[in-house]
mmCIF file of all heavy atoms, coordinates in Angstrom:
data_MODEL
# 
_entry.id   MODEL 
# 
loop_
_atom_site.group_PDB 
_atom_site.id 
_atom_site.type_symbol 
_atom_site.label_atom_id 
_atom_site.label_alt_id 
_atom_site.label_comp_id 
_atom_site.label_asym_id 
_atom_site.label_entity_id 
_atom_site.label_seq_id 
_atom_site.pdbx_PDB_ins_code 
_atom_site.Cartn_x 
_atom_site.Cartn_y 
_atom_site.Cartn_z 
_atom_site.occupancy 
_atom_site.B_iso_or_equiv 
_atom_site.pdbx_formal_charge 
_atom_site.auth_seq_id 
_atom_site.auth_comp_id 
_atom_site.auth_asym_id 
_atom_site.auth_atom_id 
_atom_site.pdbx_PDB_model_num 
ATOM 1   N N   . SER A 1 1  ? -3.646  -11.255 71.803 1.00 0.00 ? 1  SER A N   1 
ATOM 2   C CA  . SER A 1 1  ? -3.601  -12.406 72.938 1.00 0.00 ? 1  SER A CA  1 
ATOM 3   C C   . SER A 1 1  ? -4.144  -13.690 72.492 1.00 0.00 ? 1  SER A C   1 
ATOM 4   O O   . SER A 1 1  ? -4.252  -14.626 73.204 1.00 0.00 ? 1  SER A O   1 
ATOM 5   C CB  . SER A 1 1  ? -4.436  -11.740 74.140 1.00 0.00 ? 1  SER A CB  1 
ATOM 6   O OG  . SER A 1 1  ? -5.820  -11.527 73.742 1.00 0.00 ? 1  SER A OG  1 
ATOM 7   N N   . PHE A 1 2  ? -4.674  -13.737 71.149 1.00 0.00 ? 2  PHE A N   1 
ATOM 8   C CA  . PHE A 1 2  ? -5.329  -14.967 70.715 1.00 0.00 ? 2  PHE A CA  1 
ATOM 9   C C   . PHE A 1 2  ? -4.299  -15.803 70.103 1.00 0.00 ? 2  PHE A C   1 
ATOM 10  O O   . PHE A 1 2  ? -3.538  -15.599 69.116 1.00 0.00 ? 2  PHE A O   1 
ATOM 11  C CB  . PHE A 1 2  ? -6.390  -14.643 69.574 1.00 0.00 ? 2  PHE A CB  1 
ATOM 12  C CG  . PHE A 1 2  ? -7.021  -15.854 68.913 1.00 0.00 ? 2  PHE A CG  1 
ATOM 13  C CD1 . PHE A 1 2  ? -7.932  -16.521 69.745 1.00 0.00 ? 2  PHE A CD1 1 
ATOM 14  C CD2 . PHE A 1 2  ? -6.595  -16.198 67.732 1.00 0.00 ? 2  PHE A CD2 1 
ATOM 15  C CE1 . PHE A 1 2  ? -8.450  -17.811 69.162 1.00 0.00 ? 2  PHE A CE1 1 
ATOM 16  C CE2 . PHE A 1 2  ? -7.248  -17.363 67.138 1.00 0.00 ? 2  PHE A CE2 1 
ATOM 17  C CZ  . PHE A 1 2  ? -8.241  -18.093 67.939 1.00 0.00 ? 2  PHE A CZ  1 
ATOM 18  N N   . PRO A 1 3  ? -4.182  -17.144 70.614 1.00 0.00 ? 3  PRO A N   1 
ATOM 19  C CA  . PRO A 1 3  ? -3.249  -18.176 70.156 1.00 0.00 ? 3  PRO A CA  1 
ATOM 20  C C   . PRO A 1 3  ? -3.742  -18.946 68.915 1.00 0.00 ? 3  PRO A C   1 
ATOM 21  O O   . PRO A 1 3  ? -4.463  -19.810 69.131 1.00 0.00 ? 3  PRO A O   1 
ATOM 22  C CB  . PRO A 1 3  ? -2.981  -19.044 71.274 1.00 0.00 ? 3  PRO A CB  1 
ATOM 23  C CG  . PRO A 1 3  ? -4.297  -19.075 72.108 1.00 0.00 ? 3  PRO A CG  1 
ATOM 24  C CD  . PRO A 1 3  ? -4.900  -17.691 71.913 1.00 0.00 ? 3  PRO A CD  1 
ATOM 25  N N   . ALA A 1 4  ? -3.443  -18.413 67.747 1.00 0.00 ? 4  ALA A N   1 
ATOM 26  C CA  . ALA A 1 4  ? -4.025  -19.094 66.525 1.00 0.00 ? 4  ALA A CA  1 
ATOM 27  C C   . ALA A 1 4  ? -3.444  -20.442 66.316 1.00 0.00 ? 4  ALA A C   1 
ATOM 28  O O   . ALA A 1 4  ? -4.097  -21.375 65.870 1.00 0.00 ? 4  ALA A O   1 
ATOM 29  C CB  . ALA A 1 4  ? -3.684  -18.187 65.324 1.00 0.00 ? 4  ALA A CB  1 
ATOM 30  N N   . LEU A 1 5  ? -2.090  -20.539 66.604 1.00 0.00 ? 5  LEU A N   1 
ATOM 31  C CA  . LEU A 1 5  ? -1.439  -21.853 66.439 1.00 0.00 ? 5  LEU A CA  1 
ATOM 32  C C   . LEU A 1 5  ? -0.575  -22.084 67.781 1.00 0.00 ? 5  LEU A C   1 
ATOM 33  O O   . LEU A 1 5  ? 0.124   -21.153 68.154 1.00 0.00 ? 5  LEU A O   1 
ATOM 34  C CB  . LEU A 1 5  ? -0.602  -21.984 65.291 1.00 0.00 ? 5  LEU A CB  1 
ATOM 35  C CG  . LEU A 1 5  ? -1.147  -21.912 63.914 1.00 0.00 ? 5  LEU A CG  1 
ATOM 36  C CD1 . LEU A 1 5  ? -0.107  -22.006 62.804 1.00 0.00 ? 5  LEU A CD1 1 
ATOM 37  C CD2 . LEU A 1 5  ? -2.116  -23.205 63.754 1.00 0.00 ? 5  LEU A CD2 1 
ATOM 38  N N   . ASP A 1 6  ? -0.610  -23.200 68.404 1.00 0.00 ? 6  ASP A N   1 
ATOM 39  C CA  . ASP A 1 6  ? 0.103   -23.505 69.619 1.00 0.00 ? 6  ASP A CA  1 
ATOM 40  C C   . ASP A 1 6  ? 0.973   -24.653 69.536 1.00 0.00 ? 6  ASP A C   1 
ATOM 41  O O   . ASP A 1 6  ? 0.581   -25.802 69.676 1.00 0.00 ? 6  ASP A O   1 
ATOM 42  C CB  . ASP A 1 6  ? -0.908  -23.599 70.752 1.00 0.00 ? 6  ASP A CB  1 
ATOM 43  C CG  . ASP A 1 6  ? -0.276  -23.809 72.089 1.00 0.00 ? 6  ASP A CG  1 
ATOM 44  O OD1 . ASP A 1 6  ? 0.985   -23.652 72.237 1.00 0.00 ? 6  ASP A OD1 1 
ATOM 45  O OD2 . ASP A 1 6  ? -1.087  -24.004 73.034 1.00 0.00 ? 6  ASP A OD2 1 
ATOM 46  N N   . ASP A 1 7  ? 2.244   -24.434 69.098 1.00 0.00 ? 7  ASP A N   1 
ATOM 47  C CA  . ASP A 1 7  ? 3.240   -25.568 69.012 1.00 0.00 ? 7  ASP A CA  1 
ATOM 48  C C   . ASP A 1 7  ? 2.762   -26.727 68.041 1.00 0.00 ? 7  ASP A C   1 
ATOM 49  O O   . ASP A 1 7  ? 2.719   -27.879 68.484 1.00 0.00 ? 7  ASP A O   1 
ATOM 50  C CB  . ASP A 1 7  ? 3.474   -26.121 70.373 1.00 0.00 ? 7  ASP A CB  1 
ATOM 51  C CG  . ASP A 1 7  ? 4.767   -26.989 70.413 1.00 0.00 ? 7  ASP A CG  1 
ATOM 52  O OD1 . ASP A 1 7  ? 5.741   -26.580 69.682 1.00 0.00 ? 7  ASP A OD1 1 
ATOM 53  O OD2 . ASP A 1 7  ? 4.816   -27.846 71.250 1.00 0.00 ? 7  ASP A OD2 1 
ATOM 54  N N   . VAL A 1 8  ? 2.374   -26.326 66.814 1.00 0.00 ? 8  VAL A N   1 
ATOM 55  C CA  . VAL A 1 8  ? 1.900   -27.354 65.818 1.00 0.00 ? 8  VAL A CA  1 
ATOM 56  C C   . VAL A 1 8  ? 3.021   -28.027 65.087 1.00 0.00 ? 8  VAL A C   1 
ATOM 57  O O   . VAL A 1 8  ? 3.893   -27.273 64.422 1.00 0.00 ? 8  VAL A O   1 
ATOM 58  C CB  . VAL A 1 8  ? 0.930   -26.664 64.821 1.00 0.00 ? 8  VAL A CB  1 
ATOM 59  C CG1 . VAL A 1 8  ? 0.557   -27.557 63.721 1.00 0.00 ? 8  VAL A CG1 1 
ATOM 60  C CG2 . VAL A 1 8  ? -0.433  -26.261 65.592 1.00 0.00 ? 8  VAL A CG2 1 
ATOM 61  N N   . SER A 1 9  ? 2.940   -29.299 65.059 1.00 0.00 ? 9  SER A N   1 
ATOM 62  C CA  . SER A 1 9  ? 4.014   -30.039 64.170 1.00 0.00 ? 9  SER A CA  1 
ATOM 63  C C   . SER A 1 9  ? 3.218   -31.120 63.426 1.00 0.00 ? 9  SER A C   1 
ATOM 64  O O   . SER A 1 9  ? 2.246   -31.764 64.001 1.00 0.00 ? 9  SER A O   1 
ATOM 65  C CB  . SER A 1 9  ? 5.059   -30.754 65.177 1.00 0.00 ? 9  SER A CB  1 
ATOM 66  O OG  . SER A 1 9  ? 5.804   -29.877 65.772 1.00 0.00 ? 9  SER A OG  1 
ATOM 67  N N   . LEU A 1 10 ? 3.616   -31.282 62.197 1.00 0.00 ? 10 LEU A N   1 
ATOM 68  C CA  . LEU A 1 10 ? 3.078   -32.310 61.338 1.00 0.00 ? 10 LEU A CA  1 
ATOM 69  C C   . LEU A 1 10 ? 3.853   -32.478 60.103 1.00 0.00 ? 10 LEU A C   1 
ATOM 70  O O   . LEU A 1 10 ? 4.779   -31.561 59.840 1.00 0.00 ? 10 LEU A O   1 
ATOM 71  C CB  . LEU A 1 10 ? 1.608   -32.079 60.961 1.00 0.00 ? 10 LEU A CB  1 
ATOM 72  C CG  . LEU A 1 10 ? 1.148   -30.802 60.232 1.00 0.00 ? 10 LEU A CG  1 
ATOM 73  C CD1 . LEU A 1 10 ? 1.311   -31.053 58.742 1.00 0.00 ? 10 LEU A CD1 1 
ATOM 74  C CD2 . LEU A 1 10 ? -0.131  -30.259 60.684 1.00 0.00 ? 10 LEU A CD2 1 
ATOM 75  N N   . THR A 1 11 ? 3.610   -33.563 59.355 1.00 0.00 ? 11 THR A N   1 
ATOM 76  C CA  . THR A 1 11 ? 4.318   -33.882 58.111 1.00 0.00 ? 11 THR A CA  1 
ATOM 77  C C   . THR A 1 11 ? 3.361   -34.105 57.062 1.00 0.00 ? 11 THR A C   1 
ATOM 78  O O   . THR A 1 11 ? 2.385   -34.818 57.205 1.00 0.00 ? 11 THR A O   1 
ATOM 79  C CB  . THR A 1 11 ? 5.322   -35.109 58.271 1.00 0.00 ? 11 THR A CB  1 
ATOM 80  O OG1 . THR A 1 11 ? 6.302   -34.737 59.227 1.00 0.00 ? 11 THR A OG1 1 
ATOM 81  C CG2 . THR A 1 11 ? 6.033   -35.318 56.923 1.00 0.00 ? 11 THR A CG2 1 
ATOM 82  N N   . VAL A 1 12 ? 3.651   -33.564 55.847 1.00 0.00 ? 12 VAL A N   1 
ATOM 83  C CA  . VAL A 1 12 ? 2.789   -33.891 54.631 1.00 0.00 ? 12 VAL A CA  1 
ATOM 84  C C   . VAL A 1 12 ? 3.720   -34.591 53.741 1.00 0.00 ? 12 VAL A C   1 
ATOM 85  O O   . VAL A 1 12 ? 4.764   -34.067 53.233 1.00 0.00 ? 12 VAL A O   1 
ATOM 86  C CB  . VAL A 1 12 ? 2.257   -32.646 53.944 1.00 0.00 ? 12 VAL A CB  1 
ATOM 87  C CG1 . VAL A 1 12 ? 1.273   -32.989 52.836 1.00 0.00 ? 12 VAL A CG1 1 
ATOM 88  C CG2 . VAL A 1 12 ? 1.618   -31.690 54.916 1.00 0.00 ? 12 VAL A CG2 1 
ATOM 89  N N   . GLU A 1 13 ? 3.373   -35.818 53.419 1.00 0.00 ? 13 GLU A N   1 
ATOM 90  C CA  . GLU A 1 13 ? 4.298   -36.733 52.675 1.00 0.00 ? 13 GLU A CA  1 
ATOM 91  C C   . GLU A 1 13 ? 4.178   -36.359 51.107 1.00 0.00 ? 13 GLU A C   1 
ATOM 92  O O   . GLU A 1 13 ? 3.095   -35.635 50.746 1.00 0.00 ? 13 GLU A O   1 
ATOM 93  C CB  . GLU A 1 13 ? 3.905   -38.136 52.661 1.00 0.00 ? 13 GLU A CB  1 
ATOM 94  C CG  . GLU A 1 13 ? 4.027   -38.764 54.131 1.00 0.00 ? 13 GLU A CG  1 
ATOM 95  C CD  . GLU A 1 13 ? 5.445   -38.700 54.602 1.00 0.00 ? 13 GLU A CD  1 
ATOM 96  O OE1 . GLU A 1 13 ? 6.387   -38.649 53.727 1.00 0.00 ? 13 GLU A OE1 1 
ATOM 97  O OE2 . GLU A 1 13 ? 5.612   -38.816 55.757 1.00 0.00 ? 13 GLU A OE2 1 
ATOM 98  N N   . SER A 1 14 ? 5.218   -36.468 50.354 1.00 0.00 ? 14 SER A N   1 
ATOM 99  C CA  . SER A 1 14 ? 5.207   -36.197 48.918 1.00 0.00 ? 14 SER A CA  1 
ATOM 100 C C   . SER A 1 14 ? 4.093   -36.807 48.205 1.00 0.00 ? 14 SER A C   1 
ATOM 101 O O   . SER A 1 14 ? 3.900   -37.989 48.256 1.00 0.00 ? 14 SER A O   1 
ATOM 102 C CB  . SER A 1 14 ? 6.628   -36.520 48.333 1.00 0.00 ? 14 SER A CB  1 
ATOM 103 O OG  . SER A 1 14 ? 6.653   -36.219 46.953 1.00 0.00 ? 14 SER A OG  1 
ATOM 104 N N   . GLY A 1 15 ? 3.372   -36.026 47.352 1.00 0.00 ? 15 GLY A N   1 
ATOM 105 C CA  . GLY A 1 15 ? 2.282   -36.455 46.588 1.00 0.00 ? 15 GLY A CA  1 
ATOM 106 C C   . GLY A 1 15 ? 0.983   -36.731 47.372 1.00 0.00 ? 15 GLY A C   1 
ATOM 107 O O   . GLY A 1 15 ? -0.023  -37.226 46.876 1.00 0.00 ? 15 GLY A O   1 
ATOM 108 N N   . GLU A 1 16 ? 0.954   -36.310 48.668 1.00 0.00 ? 16 GLU A N   1 
ATOM 109 C CA  . GLU A 1 16 ? -0.169  -36.695 49.541 1.00 0.00 ? 16 GLU A CA  1 
ATOM 110 C C   . GLU A 1 16 ? -1.244  -35.577 49.402 1.00 0.00 ? 16 GLU A C   1 
ATOM 111 O O   . GLU A 1 16 ? -0.954  -34.456 49.136 1.00 0.00 ? 16 GLU A O   1 
ATOM 112 C CB  . GLU A 1 16 ? 0.232   -36.809 50.956 1.00 0.00 ? 16 GLU A CB  1 
ATOM 113 C CG  . GLU A 1 16 ? -0.786  -37.161 52.025 1.00 0.00 ? 16 GLU A CG  1 
ATOM 114 C CD  . GLU A 1 16 ? -0.210  -37.292 53.401 1.00 0.00 ? 16 GLU A CD  1 
ATOM 115 O OE1 . GLU A 1 16 ? 0.643   -36.630 53.784 1.00 0.00 ? 16 GLU A OE1 1 
ATOM 116 O OE2 . GLU A 1 16 ? -0.859  -38.263 54.035 1.00 0.00 ? 16 GLU A OE2 1 
ATOM 117 N N   . LEU A 1 17 ? -2.472  -35.976 49.625 1.00 0.00 ? 17 LEU A N   1 
ATOM 118 C CA  . LEU A 1 17 ? -3.621  -35.019 49.713 1.00 0.00 ? 17 LEU A CA  1 
ATOM 119 C C   . LEU A 1 17 ? -4.041  -34.995 51.149 1.00 0.00 ? 17 LEU A C   1 
ATOM 120 O O   . LEU A 1 17 ? -4.566  -35.981 51.626 1.00 0.00 ? 17 LEU A O   1 
ATOM 121 C CB  . LEU A 1 17 ? -4.772  -35.385 48.808 1.00 0.00 ? 17 LEU A CB  1 
ATOM 122 C CG  . LEU A 1 17 ? -5.930  -34.498 48.801 1.00 0.00 ? 17 LEU A CG  1 
ATOM 123 C CD1 . LEU A 1 17 ? -5.715  -33.112 48.547 1.00 0.00 ? 17 LEU A CD1 1 
ATOM 124 C CD2 . LEU A 1 17 ? -7.079  -35.020 47.755 1.00 0.00 ? 17 LEU A CD2 1 
ATOM 125 N N   . LEU A 1 18 ? -3.711  -33.933 51.846 1.00 0.00 ? 18 LEU A N   1 
ATOM 126 C CA  . LEU A 1 18 ? -3.912  -33.788 53.321 1.00 0.00 ? 18 LEU A CA  1 
ATOM 127 C C   . LEU A 1 18 ? -4.951  -32.751 53.621 1.00 0.00 ? 18 LEU A C   1 
ATOM 128 O O   . LEU A 1 18 ? -5.027  -31.643 53.146 1.00 0.00 ? 18 LEU A O   1 
ATOM 129 C CB  . LEU A 1 18 ? -2.597  -33.371 53.996 1.00 0.00 ? 18 LEU A CB  1 
ATOM 130 C CG  . LEU A 1 18 ? -2.564  -33.321 55.573 1.00 0.00 ? 18 LEU A CG  1 
ATOM 131 C CD1 . LEU A 1 18 ? -2.441  -34.761 56.079 1.00 0.00 ? 18 LEU A CD1 1 
ATOM 132 C CD2 . LEU A 1 18 ? -1.552  -32.419 56.074 1.00 0.00 ? 18 LEU A CD2 1 
ATOM 133 N N   . ALA A 1 19 ? -5.948  -33.077 54.424 1.00 0.00 ? 19 ALA A N   1 
ATOM 134 C CA  . ALA A 1 19 ? -7.009  -32.233 54.868 1.00 0.00 ? 19 ALA A CA  1 
ATOM 135 C C   . ALA A 1 19 ? -6.737  -31.686 56.274 1.00 0.00 ? 19 ALA A C   1 
ATOM 136 O O   . ALA A 1 19 ? -6.396  -32.397 57.216 1.00 0.00 ? 19 ALA A O   1 
ATOM 137 C CB  . ALA A 1 19 ? -8.333  -32.976 54.957 1.00 0.00 ? 19 ALA A CB  1 
ATOM 138 N N   . LEU A 1 20 ? -6.790  -30.332 56.393 1.00 0.00 ? 20 LEU A N   1 
ATOM 139 C CA  . LEU A 1 20 ? -6.869  -29.686 57.759 1.00 0.00 ? 20 LEU A CA  1 
ATOM 140 C C   . LEU A 1 20 ? -8.278  -29.461 58.089 1.00 0.00 ? 20 LEU A C   1 
ATOM 141 O O   . LEU A 1 20 ? -8.978  -28.672 57.480 1.00 0.00 ? 20 LEU A O   1 
ATOM 142 C CB  . LEU A 1 20 ? -6.129  -28.298 57.674 1.00 0.00 ? 20 LEU A CB  1 
ATOM 143 C CG  . LEU A 1 20 ? -4.618  -28.449 57.198 1.00 0.00 ? 20 LEU A CG  1 
ATOM 144 C CD1 . LEU A 1 20 ? -3.992  -26.973 57.216 1.00 0.00 ? 20 LEU A CD1 1 
ATOM 145 C CD2 . LEU A 1 20 ? -3.863  -29.279 58.154 1.00 0.00 ? 20 LEU A CD2 1 
ATOM 146 N N   . LEU A 1 21 ? -8.739  -30.145 59.075 1.00 0.00 ? 21 LEU A N   1 
ATOM 147 C CA  . LEU A 1 21 ? -10.231 -30.194 59.512 1.00 0.00 ? 21 LEU A CA  1 
ATOM 148 C C   . LEU A 1 21 ? -10.367 -29.609 60.888 1.00 0.00 ? 21 LEU A C   1 
ATOM 149 O O   . LEU A 1 21 ? -9.662  -30.052 61.734 1.00 0.00 ? 21 LEU A O   1 
ATOM 150 C CB  . LEU A 1 21 ? -10.734 -31.544 59.429 1.00 0.00 ? 21 LEU A CB  1 
ATOM 151 C CG  . LEU A 1 21 ? -12.153 -31.798 59.786 1.00 0.00 ? 21 LEU A CG  1 
ATOM 152 C CD1 . LEU A 1 21 ? -13.166 -31.145 58.984 1.00 0.00 ? 21 LEU A CD1 1 
ATOM 153 C CD2 . LEU A 1 21 ? -12.436 -33.294 59.929 1.00 0.00 ? 21 LEU A CD2 1 
ATOM 154 N N   . GLY A 1 22 ? -11.352 -28.777 61.068 1.00 0.00 ? 22 GLY A N   1 
ATOM 155 C CA  . GLY A 1 22 ? -11.652 -28.330 62.450 1.00 0.00 ? 22 GLY A CA  1 
ATOM 156 C C   . GLY A 1 22 ? -12.770 -27.208 62.422 1.00 0.00 ? 22 GLY A C   1 
ATOM 157 O O   . GLY A 1 22 ? -13.036 -26.746 61.416 1.00 0.00 ? 22 GLY A O   1 
ATOM 158 N N   . PRO A 1 23 ? -13.211 -26.782 63.579 1.00 0.00 ? 23 PRO A N   1 
ATOM 159 C CA  . PRO A 1 23 ? -14.218 -25.726 63.639 1.00 0.00 ? 23 PRO A CA  1 
ATOM 160 C C   . PRO A 1 23 ? -13.560 -24.372 63.380 1.00 0.00 ? 23 PRO A C   1 
ATOM 161 O O   . PRO A 1 23 ? -12.396 -24.239 63.188 1.00 0.00 ? 23 PRO A O   1 
ATOM 162 C CB  . PRO A 1 23 ? -14.759 -25.746 65.010 1.00 0.00 ? 23 PRO A CB  1 
ATOM 163 C CG  . PRO A 1 23 ? -13.511 -26.377 65.825 1.00 0.00 ? 23 PRO A CG  1 
ATOM 164 C CD  . PRO A 1 23 ? -12.855 -27.364 64.866 1.00 0.00 ? 23 PRO A CD  1 
ATOM 165 N N   . SER A 1 24 ? -14.421 -23.423 63.117 1.00 0.00 ? 24 SER A N   1 
ATOM 166 C CA  . SER A 1 24 ? -13.947 -21.992 62.900 1.00 0.00 ? 24 SER A CA  1 
ATOM 167 C C   . SER A 1 24 ? -13.010 -21.557 64.041 1.00 0.00 ? 24 SER A C   1 
ATOM 168 O O   . SER A 1 24 ? -13.411 -21.798 65.255 1.00 0.00 ? 24 SER A O   1 
ATOM 169 C CB  . SER A 1 24 ? -15.141 -20.944 62.725 1.00 0.00 ? 24 SER A CB  1 
ATOM 170 O OG  . SER A 1 24 ? -15.850 -21.347 61.641 1.00 0.00 ? 24 SER A OG  1 
# 
């Protein structure tokens, strides 16, 4: 019943260093 991801959309550009940041 736990929604780990809820309709997530994003783009990582070529050669980019992207951080996913958030609480536990």
